[in-house]
PDB file of N, CA and C in Angstrom:
ATOM      1  N   UNK A   1     129.275  33.959  34.988  1.00  0.00           N
ATOM      2  CA  UNK A   1     128.415  32.994  34.305  1.00  0.00           C
ATOM      3  C   UNK A   1     128.066  33.452  32.891  1.00  0.00           C
ATOM      4  N   UNK A   2     127.637  32.507  32.099  1.00  0.00           N
ATOM      5  CA  UNK A   2     127.266  32.778  30.711  1.00  0.00           C
ATOM      6  C   UNK A   2     125.807  32.420  30.481  1.00  0.00           C
ATOM      7  N   UNK A   3     125.231  33.066  29.498  1.00  0.00           N
ATOM      8  CA  UNK A   3     123.876  32.778  29.054  1.00  0.00           C
ATOM      9  C   UNK A   3     123.991  32.277  27.621  1.00  0.00           C
ATOM     10  N   UNK A   4     123.290  31.190  27.308  1.00  0.00           N
ATOM     11  CA  UNK A   4     123.320  30.633  25.956  1.00  0.00           C
ATOM     12  C   UNK A   4     121.957  30.808  25.314  1.00  0.00           C
ATOM     13  N   UNK A   5     121.970  31.170  24.031  1.00  0.00           N
ATOM     14  CA  UNK A   5     120.740  31.483  23.310  1.00  0.00           C
ATOM     15  C   UNK A   5     120.738  30.730  21.986  1.00  0.00           C
ATOM     16  N   UNK A   6     119.608  30.105  21.659  1.00  0.00           N
ATOM     17  CA  UNK A   6     119.424  29.491  20.349  1.00  0.00           C
ATOM     18  C   UNK A   6     118.802  30.542  19.435  1.00  0.00           C
ATOM     19  N   UNK A   7     119.514  30.916  18.384  1.00  0.00           N
ATOM     20  CA  UNK A   7     118.984  31.865  17.404  1.00  0.00           C
ATOM     21  C   UNK A   7     118.323  31.061  16.289  1.00  0.00           C
ATOM     22  N   UNK A   8     117.014  30.948  16.381  1.00  0.00           N
ATOM     23  CA  UNK A   8     116.222  30.080  15.512  1.00  0.00           C
ATOM     24  C   UNK A   8     116.462  30.369  14.029  1.00  0.00           C
ATOM     25  N   UNK A   9     116.224  31.576  13.577  1.00  0.00           N
ATOM     26  CA  UNK A   9     116.319  31.860  12.138  1.00  0.00           C
ATOM     27  C   UNK A   9     117.739  32.144  11.666  1.00  0.00           C
ATOM     28  N   UNK A  10     118.669  32.371  12.590  1.00  0.00           N
ATOM     29  CA  UNK A  10     120.071  32.566  12.204  1.00  0.00           C
ATOM     30  C   UNK A  10     120.879  31.279  12.315  1.00  0.00           C
ATOM     31  N   UNK A  11     120.250  30.204  12.832  1.00  0.00           N
ATOM     32  CA  UNK A  11     120.864  28.868  12.873  1.00  0.00           C
ATOM     33  C   UNK A  11     122.158  28.843  13.684  1.00  0.00           C
ATOM     34  N   UNK A  12     122.171  29.578  14.823  1.00  0.00           N
ATOM     35  CA  UNK A  12     123.375  29.699  15.639  1.00  0.00           C
ATOM     36  C   UNK A  12     123.074  29.442  17.101  1.00  0.00           C
ATOM     37  N   UNK A  13     124.109  29.084  17.830  1.00  0.00           N
ATOM     38  CA  UNK A  13     124.065  29.051  19.286  1.00  0.00           C
ATOM     39  C   UNK A  13     124.986  30.171  19.744  1.00  0.00           C
ATOM     40  N   UNK A  14     124.404  31.109  20.487  1.00  0.00           N
ATOM     41  CA  UNK A  14     125.155  32.286  20.915  1.00  0.00           C
ATOM     42  C   UNK A  14     125.497  32.185  22.397  1.00  0.00           C
ATOM     43  N   UNK A  15     126.626  32.766  22.761  1.00  0.00           N
ATOM     44  CA  UNK A  15     127.097  32.810  24.146  1.00  0.00           C
ATOM     45  C   UNK A  15     127.166  34.275  24.566  1.00  0.00           C
ATOM     46  N   UNK A  16     126.539  34.593  25.677  1.00  0.00           N
ATOM     47  CA  UNK A  16     126.578  35.946  26.214  1.00  0.00           C
ATOM     48  C   UNK A  16     127.314  35.896  27.554  1.00  0.00           C
ATOM     49  N   UNK A  17     128.432  36.580  27.640  1.00  0.00           N
ATOM     50  CA  UNK A  17     129.148  36.701  28.905  1.00  0.00           C
ATOM     51  C   UNK A  17     128.448  37.800  29.697  1.00  0.00           C
ATOM     52  N   UNK A  18     127.780  37.408  30.745  1.00  0.00           N
ATOM     53  CA  UNK A  18     126.930  38.338  31.478  1.00  0.00           C
ATOM     54  C   UNK A  18     127.728  39.493  32.074  1.00  0.00           C
ATOM     55  N   UNK A  19     128.904  39.233  32.611  1.00  0.00           N
ATOM     56  CA  UNK A  19     129.680  40.285  33.270  1.00  0.00           C
ATOM     57  C   UNK A  19     130.101  41.406  32.327  1.00  0.00           C
ATOM     58  N   UNK A  20     130.348  41.078  31.065  1.00  0.00           N
ATOM     59  CA  UNK A  20     130.813  42.085  30.104  1.00  0.00           C
ATOM     60  C   UNK A  20     129.804  42.387  29.009  1.00  0.00           C
ATOM     61  N   UNK A  21     128.690  41.654  28.972  1.00  0.00           N
ATOM     62  CA  UNK A  21     127.678  41.777  27.912  1.00  0.00           C
ATOM     63  C   UNK A  21     128.244  41.468  26.526  1.00  0.00           C
ATOM     64  N   UNK A  22     129.307  40.667  26.483  1.00  0.00           N
ATOM     65  CA  UNK A  22     129.914  40.282  25.216  1.00  0.00           C
ATOM     66  C   UNK A  22     129.140  39.117  24.607  1.00  0.00           C
ATOM     67  N   UNK A  23     128.781  39.250  23.334  1.00  0.00           N
ATOM     68  CA  UNK A  23     128.042  38.221  22.617  1.00  0.00           C
ATOM     69  C   UNK A  23     128.962  37.610  21.566  1.00  0.00           C
ATOM     70  N   UNK A  24     129.013  36.274  21.525  1.00  0.00           N
ATOM     71  CA  UNK A  24     129.810  35.574  20.526  1.00  0.00           C
ATOM     72  C   UNK A  24     129.042  34.359  20.029  1.00  0.00           C
ATOM     73  N   UNK A  25     129.482  33.819  18.907  1.00  0.00           N
ATOM     74  CA  UNK A  25     128.884  32.609  18.363  1.00  0.00           C
ATOM     75  C   UNK A  25     129.657  31.411  18.903  1.00  0.00           C
ATOM     76  N   UNK A  26     128.967  30.561  19.669  1.00  0.00           N
ATOM     77  CA  UNK A  26     129.586  29.342  20.187  1.00  0.00           C
ATOM     78  C   UNK A  26     129.643  28.287  19.092  1.00  0.00           C
ATOM     79  N   UNK A  27     128.565  28.151  18.343  1.00  0.00           N
ATOM     80  CA  UNK A  27     128.504  27.162  17.262  1.00  0.00           C
ATOM     81  C   UNK A  27     127.490  27.629  16.225  1.00  0.00           C
ATOM     82  N   UNK A  28     127.780  27.336  14.999  1.00  0.00           N
ATOM     83  CA  UNK A  28     126.922  27.749  13.892  1.00  0.00           C
ATOM     84  C   UNK A  28     127.694  28.647  12.948  1.00  0.00           C
ATOM     85  N   UNK A  29     127.033  29.100  11.887  1.00  0.00           N
ATOM     86  CA  UNK A  29     127.739  29.873  10.863  1.00  0.00           C
ATOM     87  C   UNK A  29     128.375  31.141  11.415  1.00  0.00           C
ATOM     88  N   UNK A  30     129.418  31.574  10.744  1.00  0.00           N
ATOM     89  CA  UNK A  30     130.162  32.762  11.152  1.00  0.00           C
ATOM     90  C   UNK A  30     129.263  33.996  11.143  1.00  0.00           C
ATOM     91  N   UNK A  31     129.623  35.000  11.942  1.00  0.00           N
ATOM     92  CA  UNK A  31     128.861  36.248  11.928  1.00  0.00           C
ATOM     93  C   UNK A  31     128.720  36.785  10.500  1.00  0.00           C
ATOM     94  N   UNK A  32     127.539  37.271  10.184  1.00  0.00           N
ATOM     95  CA  UNK A  32     127.268  37.772   8.846  1.00  0.00           C
ATOM     96  C   UNK A  32     126.713  36.718   7.907  1.00  0.00           C
ATOM     97  N   UNK A  33     126.709  35.475   8.345  1.00  0.00           N
ATOM     98  CA  UNK A  33     126.167  34.377   7.545  1.00  0.00           C
ATOM     99  C   UNK A  33     125.051  33.707   8.337  1.00  0.00           C
ATOM    100  N   UNK A  34     124.055  33.205   7.648  1.00  0.00           N
ATOM    101  CA  UNK A  34     123.024  32.432   8.334  1.00  0.00           C
ATOM    102  C   UNK A  34     122.755  31.129   7.591  1.00  0.00           C
ATOM    103  N   UNK A  35     123.835  30.519   7.068  1.00  0.00           N
ATOM    104  CA  UNK A  35     123.718  29.239   6.368  1.00  0.00           C
ATOM    105  C   UNK A  35     123.244  28.163   7.331  1.00  0.00           C
ATOM    106  N   UNK A  36     122.229  27.428   6.916  1.00  0.00           N
ATOM    107  CA  UNK A  36     121.733  26.331   7.738  1.00  0.00           C
ATOM    108  C   UNK A  36     122.256  25.007   7.187  1.00  0.00           C
ATOM    109  N   UNK A  37     122.060  23.945   7.953  1.00  0.00           N
ATOM    110  CA  UNK A  37     122.480  22.625   7.504  1.00  0.00           C
ATOM    111  C   UNK A  37     122.468  21.640   8.645  1.00  0.00           C
ATOM    112  N   UNK A  38     123.047  20.491   8.402  1.00  0.00           N
ATOM    113  CA  UNK A  38     123.139  19.428   9.395  1.00  0.00           C
ATOM    114  C   UNK A  38     124.573  18.925   9.379  1.00  0.00           C
ATOM    115  N   UNK A  39     125.466  19.717   9.976  1.00  0.00           N
ATOM    116  CA  UNK A  39     126.893  19.425   9.928  1.00  0.00           C
ATOM    117  C   UNK A  39     127.454  19.424  11.341  1.00  0.00           C
ATOM    118  N   UNK A  40     128.125  18.350  11.722  1.00  0.00           N
ATOM    119  CA  UNK A  40     128.861  18.303  12.979  1.00  0.00           C
ATOM    120  C   UNK A  40     130.230  18.932  12.746  1.00  0.00           C
ATOM    121  N   UNK A  41     130.783  19.513  13.780  1.00  0.00           N
ATOM    122  CA  UNK A  41     132.085  20.154  13.679  1.00  0.00           C
ATOM    123  C   UNK A  41     132.259  21.104  14.837  1.00  0.00           C
ATOM    124  N   UNK A  42     133.302  21.886  14.789  1.00  0.00           N
ATOM    125  CA  UNK A  42     133.609  22.807  15.878  1.00  0.00           C
ATOM    126  C   UNK A  42     133.365  24.249  15.451  1.00  0.00           C
ATOM    127  N   UNK A  43     132.708  25.002  16.334  1.00  0.00           N
ATOM    128  CA  UNK A  43     132.513  26.431  16.120  1.00  0.00           C
ATOM    129  C   UNK A  43     131.750  26.755  14.853  1.00  0.00           C
ATOM    130  N   UNK A  44     132.370  27.563  13.987  1.00  0.00           N
ATOM    131  CA  UNK A  44     131.710  28.048  12.774  1.00  0.00           C
ATOM    132  C   UNK A  44     131.564  26.991  11.683  1.00  0.00           C
ATOM    133  N   UNK A  45     132.176  25.831  11.859  1.00  0.00           N
ATOM    134  CA  UNK A  45     132.019  24.736  10.891  1.00  0.00           C
ATOM    135  C   UNK A  45     130.651  24.070  11.064  1.00  0.00           C
ATOM    136  N   UNK A  46     130.183  23.998  12.295  1.00  0.00           N
ATOM    137  CA  UNK A  46     128.911  23.327  12.602  1.00  0.00           C
ATOM    138  C   UNK A  46     127.734  24.070  11.970  1.00  0.00           C
ATOM    139  N   UNK A  47     126.699  23.303  11.630  1.00  0.00           N
ATOM    140  CA  UNK A  47     125.486  23.886  11.066  1.00  0.00           C
ATOM    141  C   UNK A  47     124.268  23.303  11.773  1.00  0.00           C
ATOM    142  N   UNK A  48     123.297  24.173  12.016  1.00  0.00           N
ATOM    143  CA  UNK A  48     121.997  23.815  12.574  1.00  0.00           C
ATOM    144  C   UNK A  48     120.937  24.289  11.592  1.00  0.00           C
ATOM    145  N   UNK A  49     119.730  23.797  11.763  1.00  0.00           N
ATOM    146  CA  UNK A  49     118.599  24.312  10.987  1.00  0.00           C
ATOM    147  C   UNK A  49     117.468  24.583  11.968  1.00  0.00           C
ATOM    148  N   UNK A  50     117.408  25.818  12.402  1.00  0.00           N
ATOM    149  CA  UNK A  50     116.399  26.310  13.334  1.00  0.00           C
ATOM    150  C   UNK A  50     116.501  25.661  14.714  1.00  0.00           C
ATOM    151  N   UNK A  51     117.619  25.914  15.425  1.00  0.00           N
ATOM    152  CA  UNK A  51     117.714  25.428  16.813  1.00  0.00           C
ATOM    153  C   UNK A  51     116.672  26.136  17.661  1.00  0.00           C
ATOM    154  N   UNK A  52     115.995  25.384  18.529  1.00  0.00           N
ATOM    155  CA  UNK A  52     114.840  25.965  19.206  1.00  0.00           C
ATOM    156  C   UNK A  52     114.894  25.915  20.727  1.00  0.00           C
ATOM    157  N   UNK A  53     115.595  24.963  21.305  1.00  0.00           N
ATOM    158  CA  UNK A  53     115.599  24.827  22.761  1.00  0.00           C
ATOM    159  C   UNK A  53     116.959  24.337  23.233  1.00  0.00           C
ATOM    160  N   UNK A  54     117.324  24.730  24.462  1.00  0.00           N
ATOM    161  CA  UNK A  54     118.621  24.379  25.027  1.00  0.00           C
ATOM    162  C   UNK A  54     118.461  23.818  26.431  1.00  0.00           C
ATOM    163  N   UNK A  55     119.383  22.940  26.789  1.00  0.00           N
ATOM    164  CA  UNK A  55     119.510  22.446  28.160  1.00  0.00           C
ATOM    165  C   UNK A  55     121.000  22.217  28.388  1.00  0.00           C
ATOM    166  N   UNK A  56     121.422  22.240  29.646  1.00  0.00           N
ATOM    167  CA  UNK A  56     122.841  22.024  29.923  1.00  0.00           C
ATOM    168  C   UNK A  56     123.025  21.147  31.149  1.00  0.00           C
ATOM    169  N   UNK A  57     124.166  20.459  31.171  1.00  0.00           N
ATOM    170  CA  UNK A  57     124.570  19.713  32.362  1.00  0.00           C
ATOM    171  C   UNK A  57     125.785  20.372  32.996  1.00  0.00           C
ATOM    172  N   UNK A  58     126.134  21.567  32.530  1.00  0.00           N
ATOM    173  CA  UNK A  58     127.273  22.309  33.043  1.00  0.00           C
ATOM    174  C   UNK A  58     128.533  22.118  32.232  1.00  0.00           C
ATOM    175  N   UNK A  59     128.623  21.031  31.501  1.00  0.00           N
ATOM    176  CA  UNK A  59     129.773  20.738  30.649  1.00  0.00           C
ATOM    177  C   UNK A  59     129.390  20.798  29.177  1.00  0.00           C
ATOM    178  N   UNK A  60     128.173  20.357  28.889  1.00  0.00           N
ATOM    179  CA  UNK A  60     127.659  20.312  27.519  1.00  0.00           C
ATOM    180  C   UNK A  60     126.348  21.074  27.433  1.00  0.00           C
ATOM    181  N   UNK A  61     126.071  21.529  26.229  1.00  0.00           N
ATOM    182  CA  UNK A  61     124.797  22.159  25.931  1.00  0.00           C
ATOM    183  C   UNK A  61     124.068  21.214  24.985  1.00  0.00           C
ATOM    184  N   UNK A  62     122.798  20.955  25.244  1.00  0.00           N
ATOM    185  CA  UNK A  62     122.000  20.073  24.397  1.00  0.00           C
ATOM    186  C   UNK A  62     121.001  20.927  23.637  1.00  0.00           C
ATOM    187  N   UNK A  63     120.953  20.727  22.326  1.00  0.00           N
ATOM    188  CA  UNK A  63     120.184  21.592  21.439  1.00  0.00           C
ATOM    189  C   UNK A  63     119.123  20.778  20.709  1.00  0.00           C
ATOM    190  N   UNK A  64     117.885  21.259  20.759  1.00  0.00           N
ATOM    191  CA  UNK A  64     116.830  20.690  19.918  1.00  0.00           C
ATOM    192  C   UNK A  64     116.942  21.384  18.565  1.00  0.00           C
ATOM    193  N   UNK A  65     117.437  20.655  17.571  1.00  0.00           N
ATOM    194  CA  UNK A  65     117.653  21.184  16.221  1.00  0.00           C
ATOM    195  C   UNK A  65     116.400  20.886  15.399  1.00  0.00           C
ATOM    196  N   UNK A  66     115.468  21.799  15.438  1.00  0.00           N
ATOM    197  CA  UNK A  66     114.089  21.642  14.979  1.00  0.00           C
ATOM    198  C   UNK A  66     113.958  21.022  13.593  1.00  0.00           C
ATOM    199  N   UNK A  67     114.454  21.675  12.569  1.00  0.00           N
ATOM    200  CA  UNK A  67     114.217  21.205  11.200  1.00  0.00           C
ATOM    201  C   UNK A  67     115.182  20.109  10.750  1.00  0.00           C
ATOM    202  N   UNK A  68     116.172  19.794  11.573  1.00  0.00           N
ATOM    203  CA  UNK A  68     117.009  18.624  11.309  1.00  0.00           C
ATOM    204  C   UNK A  68     116.501  17.401  12.069  1.00  0.00           C
ATOM    205  N   UNK A  69     115.499  17.611  12.939  1.00  0.00           N
ATOM    206  CA  UNK A  69     114.905  16.506  13.704  1.00  0.00           C
ATOM    207  C   UNK A  69     115.967  15.745  14.500  1.00  0.00           C
ATOM    208  N   UNK A  70     116.833  16.518  15.176  1.00  0.00           N
ATOM    209  CA  UNK A  70     117.926  15.921  15.934  1.00  0.00           C
ATOM    210  C   UNK A  70     118.092  16.608  17.289  1.00  0.00           C
ATOM    211  N   UNK A  71     118.697  15.878  18.208  1.00  0.00           N
ATOM    212  CA  UNK A  71     119.225  16.456  19.433  1.00  0.00           C
ATOM    213  C   UNK A  71     120.725  16.517  19.239  1.00  0.00           C
ATOM    214  N   UNK A  72     121.283  17.708  19.407  1.00  0.00           N
ATOM    215  CA  UNK A  72     122.711  17.906  19.188  1.00  0.00           C
ATOM    216  C   UNK A  72     123.381  18.244  20.515  1.00  0.00           C
ATOM    217  N   UNK A  73     124.639  17.888  20.644  1.00  0.00           N
ATOM    218  CA  UNK A  73     125.427  18.199  21.830  1.00  0.00           C
ATOM    219  C   UNK A  73     126.523  19.175  21.438  1.00  0.00           C
ATOM    220  N   UNK A  74     126.675  20.235  22.242  1.00  0.00           N
ATOM    221  CA  UNK A  74     127.755  21.199  22.053  1.00  0.00           C
ATOM    222  C   UNK A  74     128.615  21.170  23.311  1.00  0.00           C
ATOM    223  N   UNK A  75     129.883  20.874  23.163  1.00  0.00           N
ATOM    224  CA  UNK A  75     130.815  20.903  24.289  1.00  0.00           C
ATOM    225  C   UNK A  75     131.113  22.374  24.587  1.00  0.00           C
ATOM    226  N   UNK A  76     130.771  22.819  25.789  1.00  0.00           N
ATOM    227  CA  UNK A  76     130.895  24.236  26.116  1.00  0.00           C
ATOM    228  C   UNK A  76     132.325  24.747  26.044  1.00  0.00           C
ATOM    229  N   UNK A  77     133.299  23.945  26.401  1.00  0.00           N
ATOM    230  CA  UNK A  77     134.690  24.401  26.421  1.00  0.00           C
ATOM    231  C   UNK A  77     135.296  24.579  25.026  1.00  0.00           C
ATOM    232  N   UNK A  78     134.765  23.864  24.034  1.00  0.00           N
ATOM    233  CA  UNK A  78     135.379  23.883  22.707  1.00  0.00           C
ATOM    234  C   UNK A  78     134.447  24.296  21.573  1.00  0.00           C
ATOM    235  N   UNK A  79     133.131  24.221  21.792  1.00  0.00           N
ATOM    236  CA  UNK A  79     132.181  24.497  20.708  1.00  0.00           C
ATOM    237  C   UNK A  79     132.017  23.326  19.747  1.00  0.00           C
ATOM    238  N   UNK A  80     132.522  22.147  20.124  1.00  0.00           N
ATOM    239  CA  UNK A  80     132.403  20.968  19.259  1.00  0.00           C
ATOM    240  C   UNK A  80     130.968  20.462  19.285  1.00  0.00           C
ATOM    241  N   UNK A  81     130.386  20.273  18.094  1.00  0.00           N
ATOM    242  CA  UNK A  81     128.997  19.845  17.942  1.00  0.00           C
ATOM    243  C   UNK A  81     128.957  18.422  17.408  1.00  0.00           C
ATOM    244  N   UNK A  82     128.085  17.602  18.009  1.00  0.00           N
ATOM    245  CA  UNK A  82     127.841  16.244  17.512  1.00  0.00           C
ATOM    246  C   UNK A  82     126.365  15.944  17.631  1.00  0.00           C
ATOM    247  N   UNK A  83     125.897  15.003  16.834  1.00  0.00           N
ATOM    248  CA  UNK A  83     124.492  14.582  16.872  1.00  0.00           C
ATOM    249  C   UNK A  83     124.337  13.443  17.866  1.00  0.00           C
ATOM    250  N   UNK A  84     123.334  13.547  18.743  1.00  0.00           N
ATOM    251  CA  UNK A  84     123.078  12.504  19.730  1.00  0.00           C
ATOM    252  C   UNK A  84     121.915  11.598  19.346  1.00  0.00           C
ATOM    253  N   UNK A  85     120.869  12.188  18.811  1.00  0.00           N
ATOM    254  CA  UNK A  85     119.675  11.409  18.501  1.00  0.00           C
ATOM    255  C   UNK A  85     118.903  12.090  17.380  1.00  0.00           C
ATOM    256  N   UNK A  86     118.098  11.302  16.682  1.00  0.00           N
ATOM    257  CA  UNK A  86     117.242  11.830  15.631  1.00  0.00           C
ATOM    258  C   UNK A  86     117.576  11.223  14.298  1.00  0.00           C
ATOM    259  N   UNK A  87     116.642  11.391  13.384  1.00  0.00           N
ATOM    260  CA  UNK A  87     116.774  10.732  12.077  1.00  0.00           C
ATOM    261  C   UNK A  87     117.196  11.672  10.965  1.00  0.00           C
ATOM    262  N   UNK A  88     117.359  12.949  11.284  1.00  0.00           N
ATOM    263  CA  UNK A  88     117.779  13.897  10.244  1.00  0.00           C
ATOM    264  C   UNK A  88     116.740  14.002   9.227  1.00  0.00           C
TER     265      UNK A  88
END
């Protein structure tokens, strides 16, 4: 199983593989960068601005993107991010 973490000030969604303790960026700026924004895309192309809370249905991760005033969806298998609700 995996654990997903919203990194508020780094504007990233992180994936932790529990069995190996491996940490990777599922969506958000590349490692070493903390660029924020409101950009849909896959993996490191996507941008968040202070993601704060997560929920999952097992296939997708739903992110409360605090300063973008949006609910975002991340497809767990691909890291593809899209906006579901909110006014930006």
